[in-house]
Amino acid sequence: MPPAAAPGYGATVPELVPPTVALEAAWRTASEEWWPGRHEDGFGLLPSDDVASPRGFAAWVARLLAEEDPAGAGPRCTYRWVVEGGEVLGGIALRHSPPADQDHLGHVGYGIRPSARGRGLAGWALGRMLGEARRLGLEQVLVVCSEENLASARTVERLGGRLLEVVETPLGRARRYSVGIS
């Protein structure tokens, strides 16, 4: 059964798909909207990742998929891309447990490309990833967003997020939310 459409959709339905080299061109188009050097939440992109070449892009995708492997070494994280009609509209990451020294990241990070914002995609994707968190046995997830990102704060609050605190982080002031998994 296809996933339920996010608000505002007609004939096409968004999907959450694992990262894949098959969507390289679509990912590049989405990435251009963030412009070079700008952080893209939800994609697990590190400064050391070389996504400019096909070989580097493939290595990055392989790293993301390896992080989901329960038998793999290193951090465990589930990455999904928000795709509709062959376009990459955003990304979302569910960290199975946030690194202890980086609690400003939380369990979930997401980002929607600027041209696709305002359509409910972030809430739709977050809701689906909360289902994945439930499957992993999590009872609560920590979601952190920039203090001035009111759209993200509203998204988390609509899904039951409870504001824990506003804190100073290495990335600036941030809201920390707890979201219960029922």
N, C-alpha and C. Protein backbone atom coordinates (compact mmCIF):
# COMPACT_ATOMS: atom_id res chain seq x y z
N MET A 1 0.85 -1.17 0.00
CA MET A 1 0.00 0.00 0.00
C MET A 1 0.89 1.24 0.00
N PRO A 2 0.64 2.22 -0.87
CA PRO A 2 1.47 3.42 -0.90
C PRO A 2 1.28 4.25 0.35
N PRO A 3 2.29 5.06 0.71
CA PRO A 3 2.16 5.90 1.89
C PRO A 3 1.09 6.95 1.67
N ALA A 4 0.50 7.39 2.75
CA ALA A 4 -0.50 8.46 2.67
C ALA A 4 0.20 9.74 2.21
N ALA A 5 -0.48 10.49 1.39
CA ALA A 5 0.09 11.73 0.87
C ALA A 5 0.16 12.79 1.95
N ALA A 6 1.19 13.61 1.86
CA ALA A 6 1.31 14.76 2.74
C ALA A 6 0.29 15.81 2.28
N PRO A 7 -0.05 16.75 3.14
CA PRO A 7 -1.02 17.77 2.75
C PRO A 7 -0.59 18.50 1.47
N GLY A 8 -1.56 18.83 0.64
CA GLY A 8 -1.29 19.64 -0.52
C GLY A 8 -0.85 18.87 -1.75
N TYR A 9 -0.97 17.57 -1.75
CA TYR A 9 -0.51 16.78 -2.88
C TYR A 9 -1.66 16.33 -3.74
N GLY A 10 -1.37 16.23 -5.02
CA GLY A 10 -2.36 15.77 -5.99
C GLY A 10 -2.06 14.36 -6.41
N ALA A 11 -1.63 14.20 -7.66
CA ALA A 11 -1.47 12.88 -8.27
C ALA A 11 -0.25 12.13 -7.76
N THR A 12 0.79 12.82 -7.34
CA THR A 12 1.99 12.12 -6.89
C THR A 12 2.01 12.01 -5.38
N VAL A 13 2.67 11.00 -4.91
CA VAL A 13 2.74 10.73 -3.48
C VAL A 13 4.21 10.68 -3.08
N PRO A 14 4.58 11.41 -2.02
CA PRO A 14 5.97 11.35 -1.57
C PRO A 14 6.27 9.98 -0.97
N GLU A 15 7.55 9.64 -1.01
CA GLU A 15 8.02 8.39 -0.41
C GLU A 15 9.26 8.69 0.40
N LEU A 16 9.52 7.86 1.40
CA LEU A 16 10.81 7.87 2.09
C LEU A 16 11.59 6.70 1.53
N VAL A 17 12.74 6.98 0.92
CA VAL A 17 13.53 5.92 0.30
C VAL A 17 14.95 5.95 0.86
N PRO A 18 15.59 4.79 0.96
CA PRO A 18 16.99 4.78 1.38
C PRO A 18 17.84 5.53 0.35
N PRO A 19 18.95 6.12 0.78
CA PRO A 19 19.84 6.78 -0.16
C PRO A 19 20.24 5.80 -1.27
N THR A 20 20.35 6.31 -2.49
CA THR A 20 20.70 5.46 -3.62
C THR A 20 21.43 6.28 -4.68
N VAL A 21 22.40 5.67 -5.33
CA VAL A 21 23.11 6.35 -6.42
C VAL A 21 22.19 6.58 -7.61
N ALA A 22 21.09 5.84 -7.69
CA ALA A 22 20.14 6.03 -8.79
C ALA A 22 19.52 7.43 -8.76
N LEU A 23 19.55 8.09 -7.60
CA LEU A 23 18.98 9.44 -7.48
C LEU A 23 20.06 10.52 -7.42
N GLU A 24 21.25 10.21 -7.90
CA GLU A 24 22.35 11.18 -7.84
C GLU A 24 21.99 12.50 -8.50
N ALA A 25 21.49 12.48 -9.72
CA ALA A 25 21.16 13.73 -10.42
C ALA A 25 20.06 14.50 -9.67
N ALA A 26 19.06 13.79 -9.18
CA ALA A 26 17.98 14.45 -8.44
C ALA A 26 18.49 15.03 -7.12
N TRP A 27 19.40 14.32 -6.46
CA TRP A 27 19.99 14.84 -5.23
C TRP A 27 20.80 16.10 -5.52
N ARG A 28 21.56 16.10 -6.61
CA ARG A 28 22.36 17.28 -6.96
C ARG A 28 21.46 18.50 -7.21
N THR A 29 20.35 18.29 -7.88
CA THR A 29 19.41 19.39 -8.13
C THR A 29 18.88 19.94 -6.81
N ALA A 30 18.52 19.06 -5.89
CA ALA A 30 18.05 19.50 -4.57
C ALA A 30 19.15 20.23 -3.82
N SER A 31 20.35 19.67 -3.87
CA SER A 31 21.48 20.25 -3.15
C SER A 31 21.81 21.66 -3.62
N GLU A 32 21.62 21.92 -4.90
CA GLU A 32 21.89 23.26 -5.44
C GLU A 32 21.03 24.33 -4.78
N GLU A 33 19.86 23.95 -4.30
CA GLU A 33 19.00 24.93 -3.62
C GLU A 33 19.55 25.35 -2.26
N TRP A 34 20.39 24.52 -1.68
CA TRP A 34 21.01 24.88 -0.40
C TRP A 34 22.26 25.71 -0.63
N TRP A 35 22.70 25.82 -1.85
CA TRP A 35 23.92 26.48 -2.32
C TRP A 35 25.16 25.92 -1.64
N PRO A 36 26.31 26.00 -2.30
CA PRO A 36 27.54 25.39 -1.79
C PRO A 36 27.88 25.85 -0.39
N GLY A 37 28.28 24.90 0.43
CA GLY A 37 28.75 25.19 1.77
C GLY A 37 27.67 25.25 2.82
N ARG A 38 26.42 25.31 2.45
CA ARG A 38 25.33 25.39 3.42
C ARG A 38 24.99 24.00 3.92
N HIS A 39 24.76 23.87 5.19
CA HIS A 39 24.44 22.59 5.81
C HIS A 39 23.07 22.08 5.34
N GLU A 40 23.00 20.80 5.07
CA GLU A 40 21.75 20.17 4.63
C GLU A 40 21.35 19.13 5.66
N ASP A 41 20.48 19.49 6.59
CA ASP A 41 20.05 18.57 7.64
C ASP A 41 19.39 17.34 7.04
N GLY A 42 19.64 16.20 7.69
CA GLY A 42 18.96 14.96 7.31
C GLY A 42 19.69 14.11 6.30
N PHE A 43 20.78 14.62 5.73
CA PHE A 43 21.49 13.87 4.70
C PHE A 43 22.78 13.22 5.19
N GLY A 44 23.20 13.49 6.41
CA GLY A 44 24.41 12.87 6.93
C GLY A 44 25.67 13.27 6.19
N LEU A 45 25.64 14.42 5.56
CA LEU A 45 26.77 14.89 4.76
C LEU A 45 27.83 15.49 5.67
N LEU A 46 29.04 14.94 5.59
CA LEU A 46 30.16 15.43 6.39
C LEU A 46 31.08 16.27 5.51
N PRO A 47 31.84 17.18 6.12
CA PRO A 47 32.79 17.97 5.32
C PRO A 47 33.78 17.11 4.55
N SER A 48 34.06 15.93 5.05
CA SER A 48 35.02 15.04 4.39
C SER A 48 34.41 14.25 3.22
N ASP A 49 33.09 14.29 3.06
CA ASP A 49 32.45 13.57 1.96
C ASP A 49 32.69 14.30 0.64
N ASP A 50 33.11 13.54 -0.37
CA ASP A 50 33.32 14.08 -1.72
C ASP A 50 32.12 13.69 -2.56
N VAL A 51 31.13 14.56 -2.62
CA VAL A 51 29.94 14.24 -3.41
C VAL A 51 29.99 14.87 -4.80
N ALA A 52 31.11 15.54 -5.12
CA ALA A 52 31.23 16.21 -6.41
C ALA A 52 31.47 15.23 -7.56
N SER A 53 32.05 14.09 -7.26
CA SER A 53 32.33 13.10 -8.31
C SER A 53 31.39 11.91 -8.15
N PRO A 54 31.09 11.21 -9.24
CA PRO A 54 30.24 10.01 -9.13
C PRO A 54 30.82 8.98 -8.16
N ARG A 55 32.12 8.81 -8.18
CA ARG A 55 32.76 7.84 -7.28
C ARG A 55 32.61 8.28 -5.82
N GLY A 56 32.82 9.56 -5.56
CA GLY A 56 32.66 10.09 -4.20
C GLY A 56 31.22 10.02 -3.73
N PHE A 57 30.28 10.31 -4.64
CA PHE A 57 28.87 10.23 -4.31
C PHE A 57 28.51 8.79 -3.93
N ALA A 58 28.98 7.83 -4.70
CA ALA A 58 28.72 6.41 -4.41
C ALA A 58 29.31 6.01 -3.06
N ALA A 59 30.50 6.50 -2.75
CA ALA A 59 31.12 6.19 -1.46
C ALA A 59 30.30 6.79 -0.32
N TRP A 60 29.79 8.00 -0.51
CA TRP A 60 28.97 8.63 0.51
C TRP A 60 27.69 7.83 0.75
N VAL A 61 27.01 7.46 -0.33
CA VAL A 61 25.79 6.66 -0.21
C VAL A 61 26.09 5.33 0.49
N ALA A 62 27.20 4.69 0.14
CA ALA A 62 27.59 3.42 0.78
C ALA A 62 27.81 3.63 2.28
N ARG A 63 28.43 4.75 2.67
CA ARG A 63 28.65 5.03 4.10
C ARG A 63 27.31 5.19 4.82
N LEU A 64 26.38 5.92 4.21
CA LEU A 64 25.08 6.11 4.84
C LEU A 64 24.36 4.78 5.04
N LEU A 65 24.38 3.94 4.03
CA LEU A 65 23.71 2.64 4.14
C LEU A 65 24.40 1.74 5.16
N ALA A 66 25.73 1.82 5.25
CA ALA A 66 26.47 1.01 6.22
C ALA A 66 26.13 1.41 7.65
N GLU A 67 25.83 2.69 7.88
CA GLU A 67 25.49 3.14 9.23
C GLU A 67 24.17 2.54 9.71
N GLU A 68 23.33 2.11 8.79
CA GLU A 68 22.06 1.50 9.17
C GLU A 68 22.24 0.03 9.56
N ASP A 69 23.31 -0.58 9.12
CA ASP A 69 23.56 -2.00 9.35
C ASP A 69 23.82 -2.27 10.83
N PRO A 70 22.97 -3.07 11.48
CA PRO A 70 23.16 -3.35 12.90
C PRO A 70 24.49 -4.02 13.22
N ALA A 71 25.06 -4.72 12.25
CA ALA A 71 26.34 -5.40 12.48
C ALA A 71 27.53 -4.50 12.14
N GLY A 72 27.27 -3.34 11.57
CA GLY A 72 28.35 -2.45 11.15
C GLY A 72 29.02 -1.75 12.31
N ALA A 73 30.24 -1.33 12.07
CA ALA A 73 30.98 -0.57 13.08
C ALA A 73 30.56 0.90 12.99
N GLY A 74 30.77 1.64 14.03
CA GLY A 74 30.50 3.06 14.00
C GLY A 74 29.07 3.39 14.40
N PRO A 75 28.68 4.64 14.17
CA PRO A 75 27.34 5.09 14.60
C PRO A 75 26.25 4.37 13.83
N ARG A 76 25.12 4.22 14.47
CA ARG A 76 23.96 3.61 13.81
C ARG A 76 22.95 4.70 13.53
N CYS A 77 22.53 4.75 12.27
CA CYS A 77 21.61 5.80 11.84
C CYS A 77 20.82 5.30 10.64
N THR A 78 19.56 5.65 10.59
CA THR A 78 18.72 5.34 9.43
C THR A 78 18.52 6.63 8.66
N TYR A 79 18.96 6.63 7.40
CA TYR A 79 18.79 7.79 6.52
C TYR A 79 17.71 7.48 5.51
N ARG A 80 16.86 8.46 5.25
CA ARG A 80 15.86 8.34 4.20
C ARG A 80 15.80 9.66 3.45
N TRP A 81 15.55 9.55 2.16
CA TRP A 81 15.35 10.73 1.33
C TRP A 81 13.87 10.86 1.04
N VAL A 82 13.39 12.09 1.07
CA VAL A 82 12.01 12.39 0.73
C VAL A 82 11.98 12.58 -0.79
N VAL A 83 11.28 11.67 -1.48
CA VAL A 83 11.28 11.67 -2.94
C VAL A 83 9.83 11.70 -3.43
N GLU A 84 9.61 12.53 -4.43
CA GLU A 84 8.29 12.59 -5.05
C GLU A 84 8.50 12.77 -6.55
N GLY A 85 7.90 11.89 -7.34
CA GLY A 85 8.01 12.00 -8.78
C GLY A 85 9.44 12.03 -9.29
N GLY A 86 10.33 11.30 -8.63
CA GLY A 86 11.73 11.26 -9.04
C GLY A 86 12.57 12.43 -8.56
N GLU A 87 11.97 13.36 -7.83
CA GLU A 87 12.70 14.50 -7.28
C GLU A 87 13.03 14.25 -5.81
N VAL A 88 14.25 14.61 -5.42
CA VAL A 88 14.63 14.57 -4.01
C VAL A 88 14.20 15.89 -3.40
N LEU A 89 13.28 15.82 -2.44
CA LEU A 89 12.73 17.02 -1.82
C LEU A 89 13.34 17.30 -0.46
N GLY A 90 13.98 16.30 0.13
CA GLY A 90 14.58 16.50 1.44
C GLY A 90 15.19 15.21 1.94
N GLY A 91 15.66 15.28 3.18
CA GLY A 91 16.25 14.12 3.82
C GLY A 91 15.94 14.12 5.30
N ILE A 92 15.98 12.94 5.89
CA ILE A 92 15.73 12.80 7.32
C ILE A 92 16.62 11.69 7.85
N ALA A 93 17.17 11.91 9.02
CA ALA A 93 18.06 10.94 9.65
C ALA A 93 17.54 10.61 11.05
N LEU A 94 17.51 9.34 11.37
CA LEU A 94 17.15 8.88 12.71
C LEU A 94 18.39 8.24 13.31
N ARG A 95 19.01 8.94 14.25
CA ARG A 95 20.17 8.39 14.96
C ARG A 95 19.63 7.43 16.01
N HIS A 96 20.10 6.21 15.97
CA HIS A 96 19.57 5.21 16.89
C HIS A 96 19.87 5.58 18.33
N SER A 97 20.95 6.29 18.56
CA SER A 97 21.22 6.95 19.83
C SER A 97 22.17 8.10 19.52
N PRO A 98 21.85 9.31 20.00
CA PRO A 98 22.72 10.44 19.70
C PRO A 98 24.08 10.27 20.36
N PRO A 99 25.15 10.71 19.71
CA PRO A 99 26.46 10.66 20.36
C PRO A 99 26.41 11.43 21.68
N ALA A 100 26.98 10.85 22.73
CA ALA A 100 26.88 11.44 24.07
C ALA A 100 27.42 12.87 24.11
N ASP A 101 28.46 13.15 23.35
CA ASP A 101 29.05 14.49 23.40
C ASP A 101 28.40 15.45 22.40
N GLN A 102 27.36 15.01 21.71
CA GLN A 102 26.70 15.86 20.73
C GLN A 102 25.19 15.81 20.90
N ASP A 103 24.73 16.03 22.12
CA ASP A 103 23.29 15.96 22.36
C ASP A 103 22.55 17.12 21.71
N HIS A 104 23.28 18.07 21.12
CA HIS A 104 22.62 19.14 20.38
C HIS A 104 22.10 18.64 19.04
N LEU A 105 22.48 17.40 18.66
CA LEU A 105 21.99 16.83 17.40
C LEU A 105 20.68 16.09 17.59
N GLY A 106 20.47 15.48 18.73
CA GLY A 106 19.26 14.71 18.97
C GLY A 106 19.22 13.42 18.18
N HIS A 107 18.07 12.77 18.23
CA HIS A 107 17.86 11.53 17.48
C HIS A 107 17.53 11.80 16.02
N VAL A 108 16.86 12.90 15.74
CA VAL A 108 16.34 13.15 14.40
C VAL A 108 16.85 14.48 13.86
N GLY A 109 17.25 14.45 12.60
CA GLY A 109 17.59 15.67 11.86
C GLY A 109 16.91 15.60 10.51
N TYR A 110 16.37 16.70 10.06
CA TYR A 110 15.69 16.68 8.76
C TYR A 110 15.84 18.03 8.08
N GLY A 111 15.69 18.00 6.78
CA GLY A 111 15.72 19.22 5.99
C GLY A 111 14.90 19.03 4.72
N ILE A 112 14.20 20.07 4.34
CA ILE A 112 13.40 20.07 3.12
C ILE A 112 13.95 21.18 2.23
N ARG A 113 14.16 20.87 0.95
CA ARG A 113 14.71 21.89 0.05
C ARG A 113 13.77 23.09 -0.01
N PRO A 114 14.33 24.28 -0.16
CA PRO A 114 13.52 25.50 -0.08
C PRO A 114 12.27 25.50 -0.98
N SER A 115 12.36 25.01 -2.20
CA SER A 115 11.20 25.05 -3.10
C SER A 115 10.08 24.09 -2.70
N ALA A 116 10.35 23.17 -1.77
CA ALA A 116 9.34 22.20 -1.36
C ALA A 116 8.79 22.48 0.04
N ARG A 117 9.25 23.55 0.66
CA ARG A 117 8.80 23.87 2.01
C ARG A 117 7.37 24.38 2.02
N GLY A 118 6.73 24.27 3.19
CA GLY A 118 5.38 24.78 3.36
C GLY A 118 4.30 23.82 2.88
N ARG A 119 4.68 22.58 2.58
CA ARG A 119 3.72 21.59 2.08
C ARG A 119 3.47 20.47 3.08
N GLY A 120 4.06 20.56 4.26
CA GLY A 120 3.86 19.53 5.28
C GLY A 120 4.80 18.35 5.16
N LEU A 121 5.80 18.43 4.31
CA LEU A 121 6.70 17.30 4.11
C LEU A 121 7.53 16.96 5.34
N ALA A 122 8.00 17.96 6.05
CA ALA A 122 8.83 17.70 7.23
C ALA A 122 8.03 16.92 8.28
N GLY A 123 6.81 17.35 8.54
CA GLY A 123 5.97 16.65 9.51
C GLY A 123 5.62 15.25 9.04
N TRP A 124 5.34 15.12 7.75
CA TRP A 124 5.03 13.81 7.17
C TRP A 124 6.22 12.86 7.36
N ALA A 125 7.42 13.34 7.01
CA ALA A 125 8.62 12.50 7.12
C ALA A 125 8.93 12.19 8.58
N LEU A 126 8.82 13.19 9.46
CA LEU A 126 9.08 12.97 10.87
C LEU A 126 8.11 11.94 11.45
N GLY A 127 6.85 12.02 11.08
CA GLY A 127 5.87 11.04 11.55
C GLY A 127 6.24 9.63 11.15
N ARG A 128 6.71 9.46 9.92
CA ARG A 128 7.12 8.12 9.46
C ARG A 128 8.36 7.63 10.19
N MET A 129 9.30 8.55 10.46
CA MET A 129 10.51 8.14 11.16
C MET A 129 10.23 7.83 12.63
N LEU A 130 9.19 8.44 13.20
CA LEU A 130 8.81 8.07 14.56
C LEU A 130 8.33 6.62 14.57
N GLY A 131 7.69 6.19 13.50
CA GLY A 131 7.32 4.77 13.38
C GLY A 131 8.54 3.88 13.35
N GLU A 132 9.58 4.32 12.66
CA GLU A 132 10.85 3.56 12.63
C GLU A 132 11.48 3.54 14.02
N ALA A 133 11.41 4.65 14.73
CA ALA A 133 11.95 4.72 16.09
C ALA A 133 11.23 3.71 16.99
N ARG A 134 9.92 3.63 16.82
CA ARG A 134 9.13 2.66 17.59
C ARG A 134 9.60 1.24 17.29
N ARG A 135 9.82 0.96 16.00
CA ARG A 135 10.28 -0.37 15.59
C ARG A 135 11.63 -0.70 16.22
N LEU A 136 12.47 0.31 16.41
CA LEU A 136 13.79 0.13 17.02
C LEU A 136 13.71 0.01 18.54
N GLY A 137 12.52 0.22 19.11
CA GLY A 137 12.35 0.09 20.55
C GLY A 137 12.53 1.38 21.33
N LEU A 138 12.63 2.51 20.64
CA LEU A 138 12.76 3.78 21.35
C LEU A 138 11.40 4.20 21.90
N GLU A 139 11.40 4.77 23.08
CA GLU A 139 10.16 5.25 23.68
C GLU A 139 10.04 6.76 23.58
N GLN A 140 11.17 7.44 23.50
CA GLN A 140 11.23 8.89 23.36
C GLN A 140 12.33 9.21 22.35
N VAL A 141 12.16 10.27 21.61
CA VAL A 141 13.25 10.76 20.77
C VAL A 141 13.48 12.22 21.09
N LEU A 142 14.72 12.62 20.98
CA LEU A 142 15.11 14.01 21.17
C LEU A 142 15.21 14.64 19.79
N VAL A 143 14.49 15.75 19.60
CA VAL A 143 14.55 16.51 18.35
C VAL A 143 15.02 17.91 18.70
N VAL A 144 16.04 18.37 17.99
CA VAL A 144 16.64 19.67 18.27
C VAL A 144 16.54 20.52 17.01
N CYS A 145 16.13 21.78 17.19
CA CYS A 145 16.11 22.71 16.05
C CYS A 145 16.62 24.07 16.51
N SER A 146 17.08 24.83 15.58
CA SER A 146 17.54 26.18 15.86
C SER A 146 16.43 26.98 16.54
N GLU A 147 16.80 27.81 17.49
CA GLU A 147 15.80 28.58 18.23
C GLU A 147 14.96 29.45 17.29
N GLU A 148 15.56 29.98 16.25
CA GLU A 148 14.79 30.85 15.35
C GLU A 148 14.05 30.12 14.25
N ASN A 149 14.20 28.80 14.16
CA ASN A 149 13.50 28.03 13.12
C ASN A 149 12.09 27.68 13.63
N LEU A 150 11.21 28.66 13.55
CA LEU A 150 9.86 28.49 14.09
C LEU A 150 9.05 27.46 13.30
N ALA A 151 9.30 27.33 12.01
CA ALA A 151 8.58 26.33 11.21
C ALA A 151 8.91 24.93 11.71
N SER A 152 10.18 24.67 11.99
CA SER A 152 10.57 23.36 12.50
C SER A 152 10.01 23.14 13.90
N ALA A 153 10.03 24.16 14.73
CA ALA A 153 9.47 24.04 16.08
C ALA A 153 7.98 23.68 16.00
N ARG A 154 7.23 24.34 15.12
CA ARG A 154 5.80 24.03 14.97
C ARG A 154 5.61 22.59 14.47
N THR A 155 6.48 22.14 13.57
CA THR A 155 6.39 20.77 13.06
C THR A 155 6.53 19.78 14.20
N VAL A 156 7.54 19.97 15.03
CA VAL A 156 7.79 19.05 16.16
C VAL A 156 6.64 19.12 17.15
N GLU A 157 6.16 20.31 17.43
CA GLU A 157 5.06 20.46 18.39
C GLU A 157 3.77 19.81 17.88
N ARG A 158 3.50 19.90 16.58
CA ARG A 158 2.30 19.26 16.01
C ARG A 158 2.35 17.74 16.18
N LEU A 159 3.56 17.18 16.25
CA LEU A 159 3.71 15.74 16.42
C LEU A 159 3.89 15.36 17.89
N GLY A 160 3.54 16.26 18.78
CA GLY A 160 3.55 15.94 20.20
C GLY A 160 4.83 16.29 20.92
N GLY A 161 5.73 17.01 20.27
CA GLY A 161 6.98 17.38 20.92
C GLY A 161 6.76 18.31 22.10
N ARG A 162 7.46 18.01 23.18
CA ARG A 162 7.38 18.81 24.40
C ARG A 162 8.71 19.53 24.57
N LEU A 163 8.67 20.86 24.61
CA LEU A 163 9.88 21.66 24.75
C LEU A 163 10.53 21.37 26.10
N LEU A 164 11.77 20.92 26.06
CA LEU A 164 12.52 20.65 27.28
C LEU A 164 13.27 21.89 27.75
N GLU A 165 13.95 22.53 26.78
CA GLU A 165 14.77 23.68 27.13
C GLU A 165 15.29 24.35 25.85
N VAL A 166 15.76 25.56 26.02
CA VAL A 166 16.48 26.27 24.97
C VAL A 166 17.91 26.39 25.48
N VAL A 167 18.86 25.90 24.68
CA VAL A 167 20.26 25.83 25.13
C VAL A 167 21.19 26.43 24.09
N GLU A 168 22.38 26.76 24.56
CA GLU A 168 23.44 27.21 23.67
C GLU A 168 24.18 25.97 23.19
N THR A 169 24.37 25.84 21.87
CA THR A 169 25.08 24.69 21.29
C THR A 169 26.21 25.22 20.42
N PRO A 170 27.07 24.33 19.94
CA PRO A 170 28.12 24.77 19.02
C PRO A 170 27.56 25.41 17.73
N LEU A 171 26.28 25.15 17.44
CA LEU A 171 25.66 25.70 16.23
C LEU A 171 24.78 26.91 16.53
N GLY A 172 24.76 27.38 17.78
CA GLY A 172 23.90 28.50 18.17
C GLY A 172 22.82 28.05 19.14
N ARG A 173 21.90 28.96 19.46
CA ARG A 173 20.83 28.62 20.40
C ARG A 173 19.87 27.64 19.74
N ALA A 174 19.43 26.66 20.53
CA ALA A 174 18.58 25.60 19.98
C ALA A 174 17.49 25.22 20.97
N ARG A 175 16.37 24.81 20.40
CA ARG A 175 15.25 24.25 21.17
C ARG A 175 15.44 22.75 21.21
N ARG A 176 15.28 22.17 22.38
CA ARG A 176 15.37 20.72 22.56
C ARG A 176 13.99 20.20 22.93
N TYR A 177 13.50 19.26 22.13
CA TYR A 177 12.17 18.69 22.33
C TYR A 177 12.26 17.19 22.61
N SER A 178 11.35 16.73 23.45
CA SER A 178 11.16 15.31 23.65
C SER A 178 9.86 14.92 22.95
N VAL A 179 9.93 13.87 22.13
CA VAL A 179 8.74 13.40 21.43
C VAL A 179 8.51 11.95 21.87
N GLY A 180 7.35 11.70 22.47
CA GLY A 180 7.01 10.35 22.91
C GLY A 180 6.59 9.49 21.72
N ILE A 181 6.95 8.23 21.79
CA ILE A 181 6.58 7.27 20.75
C ILE A 181 5.46 6.42 21.31
N SER A 182 4.29 6.49 20.70
CA SER A 182 3.17 5.68 21.22
C SER A 182 2.82 4.58 20.25
